[in-house]
């Protein structure tokens, strides 16, 4: 599989998987934090929810809030929600039983990125499939593990 790695430049909508990997791996964390500092990272509510669920107590939640507050929010409005349903129907029609059963956060991030004209920054193989379906550019924050 050929993957496109992020070069640390340009506006992206960061999926939860990118944030989580950046917490663990300095090689991913440094360019993400630099991009955050330049205001080149956007977020949407499902990602924020997942980051807060994963946070370790009030201090961790406050850190998530501080990081995201200065960044561009991509609204998850009715248009995005209907786009998610449309993508699920398209996946179901074009695949085997259960082909539409992707994580709802991934579907929402992909559709929100599509409608806002942003690339998706991720560390999750689902986005390769969603990128093809929706015609969006998906960028790995680091080389995927086998």
C-alpha atoms as a PDB file:
ATOM      1  CA  UNK A   1       0.000   0.000   0.000  1.00  0.00           C
ATOM      2  CA  UNK A   2       1.311   3.434  -0.924  1.00  0.00           C
ATOM      3  CA  UNK A   3       0.735   6.004   1.800  1.00  0.00           C
ATOM      4  CA  UNK A   4       1.075   9.753   1.758  1.00  0.00           C
ATOM      5  CA  UNK A   5       2.988  11.077   4.754  1.00  0.00           C
ATOM      6  CA  UNK A   6       2.329  14.536   6.144  1.00  0.00           C
ATOM      7  CA  UNK A   7       5.181  17.001   5.721  1.00  0.00           C
ATOM      8  CA  UNK A   8       4.039  19.125   8.677  1.00  0.00           C
ATOM      9  CA  UNK A   9       2.782  21.946   6.476  1.00  0.00           C
ATOM     10  CA  UNK A  10      -0.638  23.187   5.415  1.00  0.00           C
ATOM     11  CA  UNK A  11      -4.076  23.283   6.964  1.00  0.00           C
ATOM     12  CA  UNK A  12      -5.405  19.883   8.093  1.00  0.00           C
ATOM     13  CA  UNK A  13      -8.297  18.481  10.059  1.00  0.00           C
ATOM     14  CA  UNK A  14      -6.620  16.240  12.642  1.00  0.00           C
ATOM     15  CA  UNK A  15      -8.328  12.986  13.552  1.00  0.00           C
ATOM     16  CA  UNK A  16      -8.118  11.580  17.061  1.00  0.00           C
ATOM     17  CA  UNK A  17      -5.633   8.968  15.843  1.00  0.00           C
ATOM     18  CA  UNK A  18      -3.122  11.689  14.886  1.00  0.00           C
ATOM     19  CA  UNK A  19      -3.403  13.387  18.283  1.00  0.00           C
ATOM     20  CA  UNK A  20      -3.033  10.056  20.106  1.00  0.00           C
ATOM     21  CA  UNK A  21       0.053   9.016  18.171  1.00  0.00           C
ATOM     22  CA  UNK A  22       1.585  12.452  18.710  1.00  0.00           C
ATOM     23  CA  UNK A  23       1.194  11.980  22.466  1.00  0.00           C
ATOM     24  CA  UNK A  24       3.365   8.859  22.307  1.00  0.00           C
ATOM     25  CA  UNK A  25       5.905   9.582  19.579  1.00  0.00           C
ATOM     26  CA  UNK A  26       8.079  12.722  19.562  1.00  0.00           C
ATOM     27  CA  UNK A  27       8.682  12.439  15.799  1.00  0.00           C
ATOM     28  CA  UNK A  28       4.921  12.937  15.300  1.00  0.00           C
ATOM     29  CA  UNK A  29       4.409  15.329  18.235  1.00  0.00           C
ATOM     30  CA  UNK A  30       6.950  17.974  17.184  1.00  0.00           C
ATOM     31  CA  UNK A  31       5.510  18.762  13.724  1.00  0.00           C
ATOM     32  CA  UNK A  32       1.942  18.611  15.056  1.00  0.00           C
ATOM     33  CA  UNK A  33       2.708  21.095  17.834  1.00  0.00           C
ATOM     34  CA  UNK A  34       4.524  23.376  15.373  1.00  0.00           C
ATOM     35  CA  UNK A  35       1.493  23.251  13.077  1.00  0.00           C
ATOM     36  CA  UNK A  36      -0.812  23.953  16.029  1.00  0.00           C
ATOM     37  CA  UNK A  37       1.356  26.972  16.848  1.00  0.00           C
ATOM     38  CA  UNK A  38       0.872  28.260  13.299  1.00  0.00           C
ATOM     39  CA  UNK A  39      -2.889  27.686  13.501  1.00  0.00           C
ATOM     40  CA  UNK A  40      -2.798  25.083  10.719  1.00  0.00           C
ATOM     41  CA  UNK A  41      -4.739  22.373  12.551  1.00  0.00           C
ATOM     42  CA  UNK A  42      -8.522  22.225  12.692  1.00  0.00           C
ATOM     43  CA  UNK A  43     -10.769  20.099  14.887  1.00  0.00           C
ATOM     44  CA  UNK A  44     -14.389  18.946  15.045  1.00  0.00           C
ATOM     45  CA  UNK A  45     -16.524  17.910  17.994  1.00  0.00           C
ATOM     46  CA  UNK A  46     -16.303  14.106  17.716  1.00  0.00           C
ATOM     47  CA  UNK A  47     -12.493  14.358  17.912  1.00  0.00           C
ATOM     48  CA  UNK A  48     -12.693  16.684  20.902  1.00  0.00           C
ATOM     49  CA  UNK A  49     -15.039  14.265  22.664  1.00  0.00           C
ATOM     50  CA  UNK A  50     -12.653  11.355  22.123  1.00  0.00           C
ATOM     51  CA  UNK A  51      -9.647  13.368  23.318  1.00  0.00           C
ATOM     52  CA  UNK A  52     -11.514  14.377  26.475  1.00  0.00           C
ATOM     53  CA  UNK A  53     -12.650  10.793  27.131  1.00  0.00           C
ATOM     54  CA  UNK A  54      -8.992   9.737  26.890  1.00  0.00           C
ATOM     55  CA  UNK A  55      -7.728  12.607  29.106  1.00  0.00           C
ATOM     56  CA  UNK A  56      -6.426  11.750  32.549  1.00  0.00           C
ATOM     57  CA  UNK A  57      -8.539  13.836  34.879  1.00  0.00           C
ATOM     58  CA  UNK A  58      -9.281  17.550  35.052  1.00  0.00           C
ATOM     59  CA  UNK A  59      -5.734  18.624  34.141  1.00  0.00           C
ATOM     60  CA  UNK A  60      -5.779  16.511  30.983  1.00  0.00           C
ATOM     61  CA  UNK A  61      -9.187  17.862  29.987  1.00  0.00           C
ATOM     62  CA  UNK A  62      -7.967  21.424  30.553  1.00  0.00           C
ATOM     63  CA  UNK A  63      -4.927  20.717  28.356  1.00  0.00           C
ATOM     64  CA  UNK A  64      -7.177  19.481  25.527  1.00  0.00           C
ATOM     65  CA  UNK A  65      -9.361  22.567  25.894  1.00  0.00           C
ATOM     66  CA  UNK A  66      -6.360  24.935  25.843  1.00  0.00           C
ATOM     67  CA  UNK A  67      -4.898  23.265  22.767  1.00  0.00           C
ATOM     68  CA  UNK A  68      -8.102  23.313  20.744  1.00  0.00           C
ATOM     69  CA  UNK A  69      -9.525  26.694  21.775  1.00  0.00           C
ATOM     70  CA  UNK A  70      -7.245  28.709  19.511  1.00  0.00           C
ATOM     71  CA  UNK A  71      -7.724  26.431  16.502  1.00  0.00           C
ATOM     72  CA  UNK A  72     -10.302  26.415  13.734  1.00  0.00           C
ATOM     73  CA  UNK A  73     -13.447  24.472  14.552  1.00  0.00           C
ATOM     74  CA  UNK A  74     -15.065  22.608  11.670  1.00  0.00           C
ATOM     75  CA  UNK A  75     -18.780  22.554  12.386  1.00  0.00           C
ATOM     76  CA  UNK A  76     -20.575  19.241  12.432  1.00  0.00           C
ATOM     77  CA  UNK A  77     -23.876  20.583  11.177  1.00  0.00           C
ATOM     78  CA  UNK A  78     -26.838  19.011   9.425  1.00  0.00           C
ATOM     79  CA  UNK A  79     -24.959  18.989   6.095  1.00  0.00           C
ATOM     80  CA  UNK A  80     -22.109  16.974   7.611  1.00  0.00           C
ATOM     81  CA  UNK A  81     -24.531  14.624   9.340  1.00  0.00           C
ATOM     82  CA  UNK A  82     -26.396  13.970   6.085  1.00  0.00           C
ATOM     83  CA  UNK A  83     -23.042  13.470   4.338  1.00  0.00           C
ATOM     84  CA  UNK A  84     -22.133  10.790   6.881  1.00  0.00           C
ATOM     85  CA  UNK A  85     -25.396   8.958   6.169  1.00  0.00           C
ATOM     86  CA  UNK A  86     -24.784   9.247   2.435  1.00  0.00           C
ATOM     87  CA  UNK A  87     -21.258   7.839   2.813  1.00  0.00           C
ATOM     88  CA  UNK A  88     -22.592   4.935   4.876  1.00  0.00           C
ATOM     89  CA  UNK A  89     -25.170   4.141   2.207  1.00  0.00           C
ATOM     90  CA  UNK A  90     -22.526   4.307  -0.510  1.00  0.00           C
ATOM     91  CA  UNK A  91     -20.189   2.016   1.443  1.00  0.00           C
ATOM     92  CA  UNK A  92     -23.014  -0.469   2.043  1.00  0.00           C
ATOM     93  CA  UNK A  93     -24.046  -0.471  -1.616  1.00  0.00           C
ATOM     94  CA  UNK A  94     -20.522  -1.022  -2.870  1.00  0.00           C
ATOM     95  CA  UNK A  95     -19.232  -3.611  -0.459  1.00  0.00           C
ATOM     96  CA  UNK A  96     -19.850  -6.789   1.408  1.00  0.00           C
ATOM     97  CA  UNK A  97     -22.133  -7.185   4.418  1.00  0.00           C
ATOM     98  CA  UNK A  98     -21.100  -4.635   7.028  1.00  0.00           C
ATOM     99  CA  UNK A  99     -18.971  -2.530   4.650  1.00  0.00           C
ATOM    100  CA  UNK A 100     -20.618   0.613   6.030  1.00  0.00           C
ATOM    101  CA  UNK A 101     -19.642  -0.150   9.628  1.00  0.00           C
ATOM    102  CA  UNK A 102     -16.776   2.264  10.104  1.00  0.00           C
ATOM    103  CA  UNK A 103     -16.245   4.268  13.277  1.00  0.00           C
ATOM    104  CA  UNK A 104     -18.664   7.202  13.319  1.00  0.00           C
ATOM    105  CA  UNK A 105     -15.921   9.624  14.322  1.00  0.00           C
ATOM    106  CA  UNK A 106     -13.873   8.611  11.267  1.00  0.00           C
ATOM    107  CA  UNK A 107     -16.871   9.025   8.974  1.00  0.00           C
ATOM    108  CA  UNK A 108     -17.680  12.410  10.499  1.00  0.00           C
ATOM    109  CA  UNK A 109     -14.094  13.676  10.284  1.00  0.00           C
ATOM    110  CA  UNK A 110     -13.825  12.573   6.652  1.00  0.00           C
ATOM    111  CA  UNK A 111     -17.093  14.226   5.605  1.00  0.00           C
ATOM    112  CA  UNK A 112     -16.312  17.391   7.595  1.00  0.00           C
ATOM    113  CA  UNK A 113     -12.930  17.579   5.857  1.00  0.00           C
ATOM    114  CA  UNK A 114     -14.520  17.032   2.458  1.00  0.00           C
ATOM    115  CA  UNK A 115     -17.083  19.790   2.967  1.00  0.00           C
ATOM    116  CA  UNK A 116     -14.517  22.234   4.367  1.00  0.00           C
ATOM    117  CA  UNK A 117     -11.912  21.503   1.697  1.00  0.00           C
ATOM    118  CA  UNK A 118      -9.293  20.246   4.158  1.00  0.00           C
ATOM    119  CA  UNK A 119      -6.949  17.282   4.155  1.00  0.00           C
ATOM    120  CA  UNK A 120      -7.308  14.733   6.970  1.00  0.00           C
ATOM    121  CA  UNK A 121      -4.311  14.107   9.230  1.00  0.00           C
ATOM    122  CA  UNK A 122      -4.593  10.624  10.729  1.00  0.00           C
ATOM    123  CA  UNK A 123      -3.001   7.375  11.842  1.00  0.00           C
ATOM    124  CA  UNK A 124      -5.831   5.022  10.900  1.00  0.00           C
ATOM    125  CA  UNK A 125      -6.279   2.803   7.836  1.00  0.00           C
ATOM    126  CA  UNK A 126     -10.006   3.615   7.623  1.00  0.00           C
ATOM    127  CA  UNK A 127      -9.097   6.985   6.178  1.00  0.00           C
ATOM    128  CA  UNK A 128      -7.499   5.469   3.086  1.00  0.00           C
ATOM    129  CA  UNK A 129     -10.853   3.931   2.195  1.00  0.00           C
ATOM    130  CA  UNK A 130     -12.787   7.075   3.115  1.00  0.00           C
ATOM    131  CA  UNK A 131     -10.373   9.216   1.122  1.00  0.00           C
ATOM    132  CA  UNK A 132     -11.060   7.176  -1.996  1.00  0.00           C
ATOM    133  CA  UNK A 133     -14.815   7.226  -1.431  1.00  0.00           C
ATOM    134  CA  UNK A 134     -15.057  10.967  -0.749  1.00  0.00           C
ATOM    135  CA  UNK A 135     -12.254  12.207  -2.964  1.00  0.00           C
ATOM    136  CA  UNK A 136     -10.304  13.751  -0.100  1.00  0.00           C
ATOM    137  CA  UNK A 137      -6.596  13.773   0.586  1.00  0.00           C
ATOM    138  CA  UNK A 138      -5.595  11.751   3.630  1.00  0.00           C
ATOM    139  CA  UNK A 139      -2.183  12.223   5.223  1.00  0.00           C
ATOM    140  CA  UNK A 140      -0.510   9.874   7.686  1.00  0.00           C
ATOM    141  CA  UNK A 141       1.143  11.624  10.629  1.00  0.00           C
ATOM    142  CA  UNK A 142       3.744   8.835  10.650  1.00  0.00           C
ATOM    143  CA  UNK A 143       4.567   5.713   8.656  1.00  0.00           C
ATOM    144  CA  UNK A 144       1.859   3.141   9.429  1.00  0.00           C
ATOM    145  CA  UNK A 145       2.935   0.045  11.319  1.00  0.00           C
ATOM    146  CA  UNK A 146       2.396  -3.299   9.640  1.00  0.00           C
END
